[in-house]
PDB file of N, CA and C in Angstrom:
ATOM      1  N   MET A   1       0.734  -1.108  -0.055  1.00  0.00           N
ATOM      2  CA  MET A   1      -0.092   0.011  -0.171  1.00  0.00           C
ATOM      3  C   MET A   1       1.005   1.087  -0.015  1.00  0.00           C
ATOM      4  N   GLY A   2       0.556   2.201  -0.885  1.00  0.00           N
ATOM      5  CA  GLY A   2       0.904   3.509  -0.856  1.00  0.00           C
ATOM      6  C   GLY A   2       1.182   4.444   0.425  1.00  0.00           C
ATOM      7  N   PHE A   3       1.869   5.515   0.398  1.00  0.00           N
ATOM      8  CA  PHE A   3       1.498   6.386   1.360  1.00  0.00           C
ATOM      9  C   PHE A   3       0.063   6.714   1.285  1.00  0.00           C
ATOM     10  N   ALA A   4      -0.424   7.385   0.707  1.00  0.00           N
ATOM     11  CA  ALA A   4      -1.462   8.283   0.057  1.00  0.00           C
ATOM     12  C   ALA A   4      -2.993   7.131   0.935  1.00  0.00           C
ATOM     13  N   ALA A   5      -2.315   6.110   0.361  1.00  0.00           N
ATOM     14  CA  ALA A   5      -3.275   4.688   0.887  1.00  0.00           C
ATOM     15  C   ALA A   5      -3.231   4.552   2.628  1.00  0.00           C
ATOM     16  N   ASN A   6      -2.309   4.807   2.924  1.00  0.00           N
ATOM     17  CA  ASN A   6      -2.012   4.508   4.365  1.00  0.00           C
ATOM     18  C   ASN A   6      -2.596   5.528   5.267  1.00  0.00           C
ATOM     19  N   GLN A   7      -2.422   6.734   4.494  1.00  0.00           N
ATOM     20  CA  GLN A   7      -2.621   8.075   4.957  1.00  0.00           C
ATOM     21  C   GLN A   7      -4.513   7.868   5.310  1.00  0.00           C
ATOM     22  N   ALA A   8      -4.856   7.448   4.485  1.00  0.00           N
ATOM     23  CA  ALA A   8      -6.546   7.709   4.047  1.00  0.00           C
ATOM     24  C   ALA A   8      -6.972   6.581   5.041  1.00  0.00           C
ATOM     25  N   ARG A   9      -6.239   5.515   5.352  1.00  0.00           N
ATOM     26  CA  ARG A   9      -6.672   4.727   6.092  1.00  0.00           C
ATOM     27  C   ARG A   9      -6.672   4.987   7.691  1.00  0.00           C
ATOM     28  N   LEU A  10      -5.432   5.610   7.787  1.00  0.00           N
ATOM     29  CA  LEU A  10      -5.238   6.268   9.108  1.00  0.00           C
ATOM     30  C   LEU A  10      -6.610   7.131   9.215  1.00  0.00           C
ATOM     31  N   LEU A  11      -6.800   8.092   8.416  1.00  0.00           N
ATOM     32  CA  LEU A  11      -8.049   8.840   8.859  1.00  0.00           C
ATOM     33  C   LEU A  11      -9.031   8.138   9.089  1.00  0.00           C
ATOM     34  N   ALA A  12      -9.372   7.202   8.299  1.00  0.00           N
ATOM     35  CA  ALA A  12     -10.586   6.506   8.412  1.00  0.00           C
ATOM     36  C   ALA A  12     -10.638   6.074   9.774  1.00  0.00           C
ATOM     37  N   LEU A  13      -9.643   5.198   9.972  1.00  0.00           N
ATOM     38  CA  LEU A  13      -9.368   4.710  11.623  1.00  0.00           C
ATOM     39  C   LEU A  13      -9.278   5.596  12.922  1.00  0.00           C
ATOM     40  N   VAL A  14      -8.998   6.861  12.680  1.00  0.00           N
ATOM     41  CA  VAL A  14      -8.978   7.600  13.864  1.00  0.00           C
ATOM     42  C   VAL A  14     -10.757   8.115  13.739  1.00  0.00           C
ATOM     43  N   ALA A  15     -11.336   8.816  12.567  1.00  0.00           N
ATOM     44  CA  ALA A  15     -12.495   8.697  12.901  1.00  0.00           C
ATOM     45  C   ALA A  15     -13.668   7.457  13.448  1.00  0.00           C
ATOM     46  N   ARG A  16     -13.152   6.655  12.832  1.00  0.00           N
ATOM     47  CA  ARG A  16     -14.013   5.391  13.819  1.00  0.00           C
ATOM     48  C   ARG A  16     -13.726   5.391  15.382  1.00  0.00           C
ATOM     49  N   ASN A  17     -12.515   5.736  15.592  1.00  0.00           N
ATOM     50  CA  ASN A  17     -11.950   5.634  16.812  1.00  0.00           C
ATOM     51  C   ASN A  17     -12.865   6.655  17.709  1.00  0.00           C
ATOM     52  N   SER A  18     -12.787   7.931  17.191  1.00  0.00           N
ATOM     53  CA  SER A  18     -13.877   9.379  17.487  1.00  0.00           C
ATOM     54  C   SER A  18     -15.130   8.840  17.507  1.00  0.00           C
ATOM     55  N   ASP A  19     -15.879   8.107  16.626  1.00  0.00           N
ATOM     56  CA  ASP A  19     -16.867   7.708  16.662  1.00  0.00           C
ATOM     57  C   ASP A  19     -17.375   6.893  18.046  1.00  0.00           C
ATOM     58  N   LEU A  20     -16.659   5.806  18.238  1.00  0.00           N
ATOM     59  CA  LEU A  20     -16.411   4.852  19.417  1.00  0.00           C
ATOM     60  C   LEU A  20     -16.133   5.992  20.500  1.00  0.00           C
ATOM     61  N   GLN A  21     -15.537   6.355  20.999  1.00  0.00           N
ATOM     62  CA  GLN A  21     -15.726   7.243  21.880  1.00  0.00           C
ATOM     63  C   GLN A  21     -16.334   8.125  22.340  1.00  0.00           C
ATOM     64  N   LEU A  22     -17.393   8.485  21.267  1.00  0.00           N
ATOM     65  CA  LEU A  22     -18.773   9.200  21.477  1.00  0.00           C
ATOM     66  C   LEU A  22     -19.606   8.534  21.855  1.00  0.00           C
ATOM     67  N   GLU A  23     -19.482   7.072  21.185  1.00  0.00           N
ATOM     68  CA  GLU A  23     -20.538   6.230  21.505  1.00  0.00           C
ATOM     69  C   GLU A  23     -20.768   5.840  22.785  1.00  0.00           C
ATOM     70  N   MET A  24     -19.196   5.385  23.618  1.00  0.00           N
ATOM     71  CA  MET A  24     -19.328   5.125  25.060  1.00  0.00           C
ATOM     72  C   MET A  24     -19.477   6.282  25.875  1.00  0.00           C
ATOM     73  N   GLN A  25     -19.143   7.544  25.182  1.00  0.00           N
ATOM     74  CA  GLN A  25     -20.032   8.700  26.224  1.00  0.00           C
ATOM     75  C   GLN A  25     -21.357   8.381  26.327  1.00  0.00           C
ATOM     76  N   PHE A  26     -22.217   8.467  25.324  1.00  0.00           N
ATOM     77  CA  PHE A  26     -23.312   8.383  25.631  1.00  0.00           C
ATOM     78  C   PHE A  26     -23.906   6.917  26.106  1.00  0.00           C
ATOM     79  N   ILE A  27     -23.327   6.055  25.913  1.00  0.00           N
ATOM     80  CA  ILE A  27     -23.644   4.704  27.045  1.00  0.00           C
ATOM     81  C   ILE A  27     -23.650   5.128  28.351  1.00  0.00           C
ATOM     82  N   ASN A  28     -22.344   5.615  28.748  1.00  0.00           N
ATOM     83  CA  ASN A  28     -22.196   5.928  29.999  1.00  0.00           C
ATOM     84  C   ASN A  28     -23.014   7.047  30.627  1.00  0.00           C
ATOM     85  N   GLN A  29     -23.408   7.896  29.951  1.00  0.00           N
ATOM     86  CA  GLN A  29     -24.695   8.861  30.237  1.00  0.00           C
ATOM     87  C   GLN A  29     -25.843   8.193  30.629  1.00  0.00           C
ATOM     88  N   ARG A  30     -26.235   7.038  29.930  1.00  0.00           N
ATOM     89  CA  ARG A  30     -27.373   6.763  29.775  1.00  0.00           C
ATOM     90  C   ARG A  30     -27.615   5.493  31.120  1.00  0.00           C
ATOM     91  N   ARG A  31     -26.286   5.043  31.438  1.00  0.00           N
ATOM     92  CA  ARG A  31     -26.092   4.319  32.267  1.00  0.00           C
ATOM     93  C   ARG A  31     -26.293   5.223  34.060  1.00  0.00           C
ATOM     94  N   MET A  32     -25.897   6.262  33.567  1.00  0.00           N
ATOM     95  CA  MET A  32     -25.728   7.268  34.656  1.00  0.00           C
ATOM     96  C   MET A  32     -27.329   7.556  35.196  1.00  0.00           C
ATOM     97  N   ALA A  33     -27.846   7.922  34.345  1.00  0.00           N
ATOM     98  CA  ALA A  33     -29.167   7.931  34.396  1.00  0.00           C
ATOM     99  C   ALA A  33     -30.092   7.163  34.961  1.00  0.00           C
ATOM    100  N   LEU A  34     -29.756   5.790  34.327  1.00  0.00           N
ATOM    101  CA  LEU A  34     -30.163   4.604  34.959  1.00  0.00           C
ATOM    102  C   LEU A  34     -30.152   4.367  36.338  1.00  0.00           C
ATOM    103  N   GLY A  35     -29.136   4.641  36.586  1.00  0.00           N
ATOM    104  CA  GLY A  35     -28.546   4.338  38.251  1.00  0.00           C
ATOM    105  C   GLY A  35     -29.411   5.485  38.716  1.00  0.00           C
ATOM    106  N   ASN A  36     -29.648   6.767  38.380  1.00  0.00           N
ATOM    107  CA  ASN A  36     -30.322   7.738  38.880  1.00  0.00           C
ATOM    108  C   ASN A  36     -31.634   7.100  39.385  1.00  0.00           C
ATOM    109  N   MET A  37     -32.073   6.490  38.216  1.00  0.00           N
ATOM    110  CA  MET A  37     -33.566   6.346  38.299  1.00  0.00           C
ATOM    111  C   MET A  37     -33.834   5.263  39.369  1.00  0.00           C
ATOM    112  N   ILE A  38     -32.693   4.093  39.331  1.00  0.00           N
ATOM    113  CA  ILE A  38     -32.458   3.207  40.199  1.00  0.00           C
ATOM    114  C   ILE A  38     -32.683   3.467  41.633  1.00  0.00           C
ATOM    115  N   SER A  39     -31.946   4.377  41.833  1.00  0.00           N
ATOM    116  CA  SER A  39     -31.688   5.149  43.308  1.00  0.00           C
ATOM    117  C   SER A  39     -32.884   6.088  43.622  1.00  0.00           C
ATOM    118  N   GLY A  40     -33.602   6.540  42.584  1.00  0.00           N
ATOM    119  CA  GLY A  40     -35.035   7.038  42.783  1.00  0.00           C
ATOM    120  C   GLY A  40     -36.118   6.018  43.509  1.00  0.00           C
ATOM    121  N   VAL A  41     -36.108   5.505  42.289  1.00  0.00           N
ATOM    122  CA  VAL A  41     -37.056   3.842  43.020  1.00  0.00           C
ATOM    123  C   VAL A  41     -36.854   3.343  44.065  1.00  0.00           C
ATOM    124  N   MET A  42     -35.517   3.231  44.357  1.00  0.00           N
ATOM    125  CA  MET A  42     -35.096   2.660  45.655  1.00  0.00           C
ATOM    126  C   MET A  42     -35.725   3.622  46.838  1.00  0.00           C
ATOM    127  N   ASP A  43     -35.538   4.903  46.552  1.00  0.00           N
ATOM    128  CA  ASP A  43     -35.865   5.704  48.035  1.00  0.00           C
ATOM    129  C   ASP A  43     -37.144   5.584  48.015  1.00  0.00           C
ATOM    130  N   LEU A  44     -38.093   5.746  46.886  1.00  0.00           N
ATOM    131  CA  LEU A  44     -39.748   5.379  47.128  1.00  0.00           C
ATOM    132  C   LEU A  44     -40.060   4.468  47.606  1.00  0.00           C
ATOM    133  N   GLN A  45     -39.126   2.937  47.207  1.00  0.00           N
ATOM    134  CA  GLN A  45     -39.367   1.551  48.168  1.00  0.00           C
ATOM    135  C   GLN A  45     -39.367   1.591  49.687  1.00  0.00           C
ATOM    136  N   SER A  46     -38.374   2.688  49.658  1.00  0.00           N
ATOM    137  CA  SER A  46     -38.095   2.152  51.478  1.00  0.00           C
ATOM    138  C   SER A  46     -39.057   2.646  52.158  1.00  0.00           C
ATOM    139  N   ASN A  47     -39.964   3.968  51.772  1.00  0.00           N
ATOM    140  CA  ASN A  47     -41.120   4.220  52.512  1.00  0.00           C
ATOM    141  C   ASN A  47     -41.891   3.267  52.628  1.00  0.00           C
ATOM    142  N   LEU A  48     -42.226   2.115  51.920  1.00  0.00           N
ATOM    143  CA  LEU A  48     -43.304   1.521  51.623  1.00  0.00           C
ATOM    144  C   LEU A  48     -42.887   0.225  52.870  1.00  0.00           C
ATOM    145  N   ALA A  49     -44.218  -0.414  53.150  1.00  0.00           N
ATOM    146  CA  ALA A  49     -43.960  -1.955  53.608  1.00  0.00           C
ATOM    147  C   ALA A  49     -43.655  -2.937  52.421  1.00  0.00           C
ATOM    148  N   PRO A  50     -42.727  -3.778  52.963  1.00  0.00           N
ATOM    149  CA  PRO A  50     -41.983  -4.445  52.233  1.00  0.00           C
ATOM    150  C   PRO A  50     -43.194  -5.386  51.371  1.00  0.00           C
ATOM    151  N   ASP A  51     -44.022  -5.535  52.238  1.00  0.00           N
ATOM    152  CA  ASP A  51     -45.187  -6.718  51.587  1.00  0.00           C
ATOM    153  C   ASP A  51     -46.086  -6.190  50.692  1.00  0.00           C
ATOM    154  N   SER A  52     -46.397  -5.090  50.325  1.00  0.00           N
ATOM    155  CA  SER A  52     -47.083  -4.574  49.712  1.00  0.00           C
ATOM    156  C   SER A  52     -47.027  -4.454  48.540  1.00  0.00           C
ATOM    157  N   GLN A  53     -48.294  -4.262  47.968  1.00  0.00           N
ATOM    158  CA  GLN A  53     -48.525  -4.305  46.322  1.00  0.00           C
ATOM    159  C   GLN A  53     -47.372  -3.480  45.949  1.00  0.00           C
ATOM    160  N   ALA A  54     -47.184  -2.313  46.084  1.00  0.00           N
ATOM    161  CA  ALA A  54     -46.409  -1.020  45.618  1.00  0.00           C
ATOM    162  C   ALA A  54     -44.887  -1.271  45.589  1.00  0.00           C
ATOM    163  N   SER A  55     -44.932  -1.811  46.734  1.00  0.00           N
ATOM    164  CA  SER A  55     -43.064  -2.218  46.926  1.00  0.00           C
ATOM    165  C   SER A  55     -43.127  -3.268  46.132  1.00  0.00           C
ATOM    166  N   LYS A  56     -44.074  -4.275  45.805  1.00  0.00           N
ATOM    167  CA  LYS A  56     -43.738  -5.311  44.597  1.00  0.00           C
ATOM    168  C   LYS A  56     -43.499  -4.773  43.481  1.00  0.00           C
ATOM    169  N   VAL A  57     -44.412  -3.902  43.187  1.00  0.00           N
ATOM    170  CA  VAL A  57     -44.489  -3.440  41.772  1.00  0.00           C
ATOM    171  C   VAL A  57     -43.063  -2.293  41.389  1.00  0.00           C
ATOM    172  N   LEU A  58     -42.618  -1.673  42.274  1.00  0.00           N
ATOM    173  CA  LEU A  58     -41.175  -0.886  42.332  1.00  0.00           C
ATOM    174  C   LEU A  58     -40.335  -1.964  42.339  1.00  0.00           C
ATOM    175  N   ASP A  59     -40.334  -3.124  42.916  1.00  0.00           N
ATOM    176  CA  ASP A  59     -39.295  -4.209  42.839  1.00  0.00           C
ATOM    177  C   ASP A  59     -39.235  -4.513  41.858  1.00  0.00           C
ATOM    178  N   ALA A  60     -40.224  -4.892  40.719  1.00  0.00           N
ATOM    179  CA  ALA A  60     -40.185  -5.303  39.584  1.00  0.00           C
ATOM    180  C   ALA A  60     -39.628  -4.134  38.499  1.00  0.00           C
ATOM    181  N   LYS A  61     -40.001  -3.062  38.782  1.00  0.00           N
ATOM    182  CA  LYS A  61     -39.283  -1.747  37.883  1.00  0.00           C
ATOM    183  C   LYS A  61     -37.855  -1.486  38.202  1.00  0.00           C
ATOM    184  N   ILE A  62     -37.285  -2.019  39.666  1.00  0.00           N
ATOM    185  CA  ILE A  62     -35.891  -2.029  39.692  1.00  0.00           C
ATOM    186  C   ILE A  62     -35.412  -2.965  39.003  1.00  0.00           C
ATOM    187  N   ARG A  63     -36.016  -4.212  38.625  1.00  0.00           N
ATOM    188  CA  ARG A  63     -35.331  -5.605  38.293  1.00  0.00           C
ATOM    189  C   ARG A  63     -35.191  -5.205  36.686  1.00  0.00           C
ATOM    190  N   GLN A  64     -36.100  -4.539  36.439  1.00  0.00           N
ATOM    191  CA  GLN A  64     -36.324  -3.767  34.729  1.00  0.00           C
ATOM    192  C   GLN A  64     -35.125  -2.867  34.634  1.00  0.00           C
ATOM    193  N   LEU A  65     -34.857  -1.995  35.232  1.00  0.00           N
ATOM    194  CA  LEU A  65     -33.973  -0.942  35.155  1.00  0.00           C
ATOM    195  C   LEU A  65     -32.642  -1.433  35.314  1.00  0.00           C
ATOM    196  N   GLN A  66     -32.513  -2.272  36.327  1.00  0.00           N
ATOM    197  CA  GLN A  66     -30.960  -3.023  36.407  1.00  0.00           C
ATOM    198  C   GLN A  66     -31.048  -4.240  35.049  1.00  0.00           C
ATOM    199  N   GLN A  67     -31.977  -4.540  34.362  1.00  0.00           N
ATOM    200  CA  GLN A  67     -31.584  -5.379  33.303  1.00  0.00           C
ATOM    201  C   GLN A  67     -31.365  -4.484  31.924  1.00  0.00           C
ATOM    202  N   ALA A  68     -31.947  -3.186  31.923  1.00  0.00           N
ATOM    203  CA  ALA A  68     -31.670  -2.043  31.124  1.00  0.00           C
ATOM    204  C   ALA A  68     -29.923  -1.867  31.133  1.00  0.00           C
ATOM    205  N   ASP A  69     -29.479  -1.717  32.238  1.00  0.00           N
ATOM    206  CA  ASP A  69     -28.202  -1.337  32.634  1.00  0.00           C
ATOM    207  C   ASP A  69     -27.188  -2.678  32.240  1.00  0.00           C
ATOM    208  N   LYS A  70     -27.394  -3.853  32.651  1.00  0.00           N
ATOM    209  CA  LYS A  70     -26.343  -4.631  32.161  1.00  0.00           C
ATOM    210  C   LYS A  70     -26.725  -4.533  30.347  1.00  0.00           C
ATOM    211  N   LEU A  71     -27.681  -4.572  29.910  1.00  0.00           N
ATOM    212  CA  LEU A  71     -27.663  -4.321  28.577  1.00  0.00           C
ATOM    213  C   LEU A  71     -26.694  -3.414  27.780  1.00  0.00           C
ATOM    214  N   LEU A  72     -26.554  -2.150  28.459  1.00  0.00           N
ATOM    215  CA  LEU A  72     -25.978  -1.086  28.051  1.00  0.00           C
ATOM    216  C   LEU A  72     -24.461  -1.315  28.419  1.00  0.00           C
ATOM    217  N   GLU A  73     -24.404  -1.874  29.811  1.00  0.00           N
ATOM    218  CA  GLU A  73     -22.886  -2.768  29.885  1.00  0.00           C
ATOM    219  C   GLU A  73     -22.369  -3.152  28.855  1.00  0.00           C
ATOM    220  N   MET A  74     -23.253  -4.291  28.378  1.00  0.00           N
ATOM    221  CA  MET A  74     -22.646  -5.118  27.138  1.00  0.00           C
ATOM    222  C   MET A  74     -22.032  -4.521  25.985  1.00  0.00           C
ATOM    223  N   HIS A  75     -23.295  -3.591  25.683  1.00  0.00           N
ATOM    224  CA  HIS A  75     -22.715  -2.959  24.665  1.00  0.00           C
ATOM    225  C   HIS A  75     -21.520  -1.651  24.675  1.00  0.00           C
ATOM    226  N   LEU A  76     -21.371  -1.239  25.877  1.00  0.00           N
ATOM    227  CA  LEU A  76     -20.087  -0.753  26.488  1.00  0.00           C
ATOM    228  C   LEU A  76     -18.819  -1.506  26.019  1.00  0.00           C
ATOM    229  N   ASN A  77     -19.155  -2.897  26.512  1.00  0.00           N
ATOM    230  CA  ASN A  77     -17.713  -3.795  26.404  1.00  0.00           C
ATOM    231  C   ASN A  77     -17.613  -4.268  25.321  1.00  0.00           C
ATOM    232  N   THR A  78     -18.780  -4.266  24.026  1.00  0.00           N
ATOM    233  CA  THR A  78     -18.381  -4.254  22.956  1.00  0.00           C
ATOM    234  C   THR A  78     -17.503  -3.132  22.155  1.00  0.00           C
ATOM    235  N   ALA A  79     -18.219  -1.624  22.200  1.00  0.00           N
ATOM    236  CA  ALA A  79     -17.756  -0.849  21.650  1.00  0.00           C
ATOM    237  C   ALA A  79     -16.457  -0.790  22.352  1.00  0.00           C
ATOM    238  N   THR A  80     -15.737  -0.653  23.507  1.00  0.00           N
ATOM    239  CA  THR A  80     -14.434  -0.579  24.505  1.00  0.00           C
ATOM    240  C   THR A  80     -13.535  -1.739  23.517  1.00  0.00           C
ATOM    241  N   SER A  81     -13.856  -3.225  23.141  1.00  0.00           N
ATOM    242  CA  SER A  81     -13.079  -3.928  22.438  1.00  0.00           C
ATOM    243  C   SER A  81     -13.116  -3.495  21.081  1.00  0.00           C
ATOM    244  N   GLN A  82     -14.219  -2.880  20.362  1.00  0.00           N
ATOM    245  CA  GLN A  82     -13.771  -2.156  19.030  1.00  0.00           C
ATOM    246  C   GLN A  82     -12.484  -1.312  18.741  1.00  0.00           C
ATOM    247  N   GLN A  83     -13.137  -0.334  19.752  1.00  0.00           N
ATOM    248  CA  GLN A  83     -12.141   0.777  20.054  1.00  0.00           C
ATOM    249  C   GLN A  83     -10.935   0.205  20.459  1.00  0.00           C
ATOM    250  N   LYS A  84     -10.188  -0.862  20.971  1.00  0.00           N
ATOM    251  CA  LYS A  84      -9.046  -1.282  21.280  1.00  0.00           C
ATOM    252  C   LYS A  84      -8.456  -1.926  20.015  1.00  0.00           C
ATOM    253  N   ALA A  85      -9.534  -2.758  19.485  1.00  0.00           N
ATOM    254  CA  ALA A  85      -8.878  -3.347  17.812  1.00  0.00           C
ATOM    255  C   ALA A  85      -8.813  -1.834  16.711  1.00  0.00           C
ATOM    256  N   VAL A  86      -9.322  -0.886  16.899  1.00  0.00           N
ATOM    257  CA  VAL A  86      -9.020   0.054  15.780  1.00  0.00           C
ATOM    258  C   VAL A  86      -7.857   0.762  16.357  1.00  0.00           C
ATOM    259  N   ASP A  87      -7.190   1.050  17.978  1.00  0.00           N
ATOM    260  CA  ASP A  87      -6.451   1.761  18.383  1.00  0.00           C
ATOM    261  C   ASP A  87      -5.240   0.552  17.973  1.00  0.00           C
ATOM    262  N   THR A  88      -5.262  -0.610  17.755  1.00  0.00           N
ATOM    263  CA  THR A  88      -4.183  -1.847  17.153  1.00  0.00           C
ATOM    264  C   THR A  88      -3.818  -1.321  15.983  1.00  0.00           C
ATOM    265  N   GLN A  89      -4.995  -1.456  14.868  1.00  0.00           N
ATOM    266  CA  GLN A  89      -4.883  -0.936  13.430  1.00  0.00           C
ATOM    267  C   GLN A  89      -4.123   0.171  13.217  1.00  0.00           C
ATOM    268  N   ILE A  90      -4.605   1.893  14.127  1.00  0.00           N
ATOM    269  CA  ILE A  90      -4.037   2.883  13.822  1.00  0.00           C
ATOM    270  C   ILE A  90      -2.415   2.509  14.178  1.00  0.00           C
ATOM    271  N   ASP A  91      -1.860   1.870  15.288  1.00  0.00           N
ATOM    272  CA  ASP A  91      -0.465   2.042  15.414  1.00  0.00           C
ATOM    273  C   ASP A  91      -0.061   1.071  13.911  1.00  0.00           C
ATOM    274  N   GLY A  92      -0.632   0.124  13.560  1.00  0.00           N
ATOM    275  CA  GLY A  92       0.057  -0.523  12.472  1.00  0.00           C
ATOM    276  C   GLY A  92       0.344   0.207  11.320  1.00  0.00           C
ATOM    277  N   VAL A  93      -0.773   1.193  11.134  1.00  0.00           N
ATOM    278  CA  VAL A  93      -1.001   1.917   9.882  1.00  0.00           C
ATOM    279  C   VAL A  93      -0.079   3.073  10.564  1.00  0.00           C
ATOM    280  N   LYS A  94       0.426   3.637  11.262  1.00  0.00           N
ATOM    281  CA  LYS A  94       1.478   4.874  11.350  1.00  0.00           C
ATOM    282  C   LYS A  94       2.312   4.073  11.420  1.00  0.00           C
ATOM    283  N   GLN A  95       2.859   2.705  11.610  1.00  0.00           N
ATOM    284  CA  GLN A  95       4.436   2.529  11.285  1.00  0.00           C
ATOM    285  C   GLN A  95       4.475   2.178   9.940  1.00  0.00           C
ATOM    286  N   LEU A  96       3.412   1.798   9.026  1.00  0.00           N
ATOM    287  CA  LEU A  96       3.497   1.672   7.483  1.00  0.00           C
ATOM    288  C   LEU A  96       3.938   3.199   7.139  1.00  0.00           C
ATOM    289  N   ILE A  97       2.895   3.900   7.829  1.00  0.00           N
ATOM    290  CA  ILE A  97       3.400   5.259   6.859  1.00  0.00           C
ATOM    291  C   ILE A  97       4.811   5.608   7.403  1.00  0.00           C
ATOM    292  N   ASP A  98       5.710   5.718   8.855  1.00  0.00           N
ATOM    293  CA  ASP A  98       7.042   5.695   8.701  1.00  0.00           C
ATOM    294  C   ASP A  98       7.690   5.084   8.107  1.00  0.00           C
ATOM    295  N   LYS A  99       7.477   3.884   7.885  1.00  0.00           N
ATOM    296  CA  LYS A  99       8.416   2.990   7.122  1.00  0.00           C
ATOM    297  C   LYS A  99       8.139   3.412   5.305  1.00  0.00           C
ATOM    298  N   ASN A 100       6.982   3.906   4.863  1.00  0.00           N
ATOM    299  CA  ASN A 100       6.932   4.652   3.409  1.00  0.00           C
ATOM    300  C   ASN A 100       8.010   5.904   3.439  1.00  0.00           C
ATOM    301  N   ILE A 101       7.665   6.515   4.859  1.00  0.00           N
ATOM    302  CA  ILE A 101       8.569   7.752   4.684  1.00  0.00           C
ATOM    303  C   ILE A 101       9.902   7.640   4.551  1.00  0.00           C
ATOM    304  N   GLN A 102      10.404   6.736   5.584  1.00  0.00           N
ATOM    305  CA  GLN A 102      11.778   6.172   5.347  1.00  0.00           C
ATOM    306  C   GLN A 102      12.478   5.823   3.965  1.00  0.00           C
ATOM    307  N   ARG A 103      11.474   5.286   3.682  1.00  0.00           N
ATOM    308  CA  ARG A 103      12.115   4.465   2.114  1.00  0.00           C
ATOM    309  C   ARG A 103      12.081   5.610   1.194  1.00  0.00           C
ATOM    310  N   SER A 104      10.875   6.652   1.491  1.00  0.00           N
ATOM    311  CA  SER A 104      11.051   7.954   0.243  1.00  0.00           C
ATOM    312  C   SER A 104      12.555   8.284   0.372  1.00  0.00           C
ATOM    313  N   PHE A 105      12.680   8.877   1.611  1.00  0.00           N
ATOM    314  CA  PHE A 105      13.961   9.721   1.858  1.00  0.00           C
ATOM    315  C   PHE A 105      15.174   8.858   1.656  1.00  0.00           C
ATOM    316  N   SER A 106      15.108   7.323   1.980  1.00  0.00           N
ATOM    317  CA  SER A 106      16.625   6.802   1.686  1.00  0.00           C
ATOM    318  C   SER A 106      16.752   6.445   0.180  1.00  0.00           C
ATOM    319  N   PHE A 107      15.582   6.601  -0.732  1.00  0.00           N
ATOM    320  CA  PHE A 107      15.926   6.018  -1.872  1.00  0.00           C
ATOM    321  C   PHE A 107      15.991   7.520  -2.855  1.00  0.00           C
ATOM    322  N   GLY A 108      15.529   8.462  -2.037  1.00  0.00           N
ATOM    323  CA  GLY A 108      15.382   9.702  -2.850  1.00  0.00           C
ATOM    324  C   GLY A 108      16.417  10.429  -2.361  1.00  0.00           C
ATOM    325  N   GLY A 109      17.244  10.357  -1.450  1.00  0.00           N
ATOM    326  CA  GLY A 109      18.470  11.081  -0.649  1.00  0.00           C
ATOM    327  C   GLY A 109      19.662  11.286  -1.411  1.00  0.00           C
ATOM    328  N   GLY A 110      19.968   9.790  -2.034  1.00  0.00           N
ATOM    329  CA  GLY A 110      21.127   9.718  -2.779  1.00  0.00           C
ATOM    330  C   GLY A 110      21.188  10.625  -3.848  1.00  0.00           C
ATOM    331  N   ARG A 111      20.292  10.831  -4.560  1.00  0.00           N
ATOM    332  CA  ARG A 111      20.462  10.632  -6.239  1.00  0.00           C
ATOM    333  C   ARG A 111      20.469  12.627  -6.288  1.00  0.00           C
TER     334      ARG A 111
END
């Protein structure tokens, strides 16, 4: 691959890396919001008798919110893995670019 192709590949990888970082920020924001909702529901539940119907309904809601958090956590883990792979590819492309530059100067410098 030539220098221009490697440079284009690097730019595409950097853009993908930025997209993944933004996606991870959004996921973390959603997880924080879910955490706040769970906390609020637990506060409501603490004021009720444990055997009451309302307490059971709130307990079901807490489990539902926790399940949503687990799904977001899995999505975050996937995005993190993808970002690590992209980082590895970026390092590889940077090495290729460095080699291309070295070859260009070593062949052209003696003339």
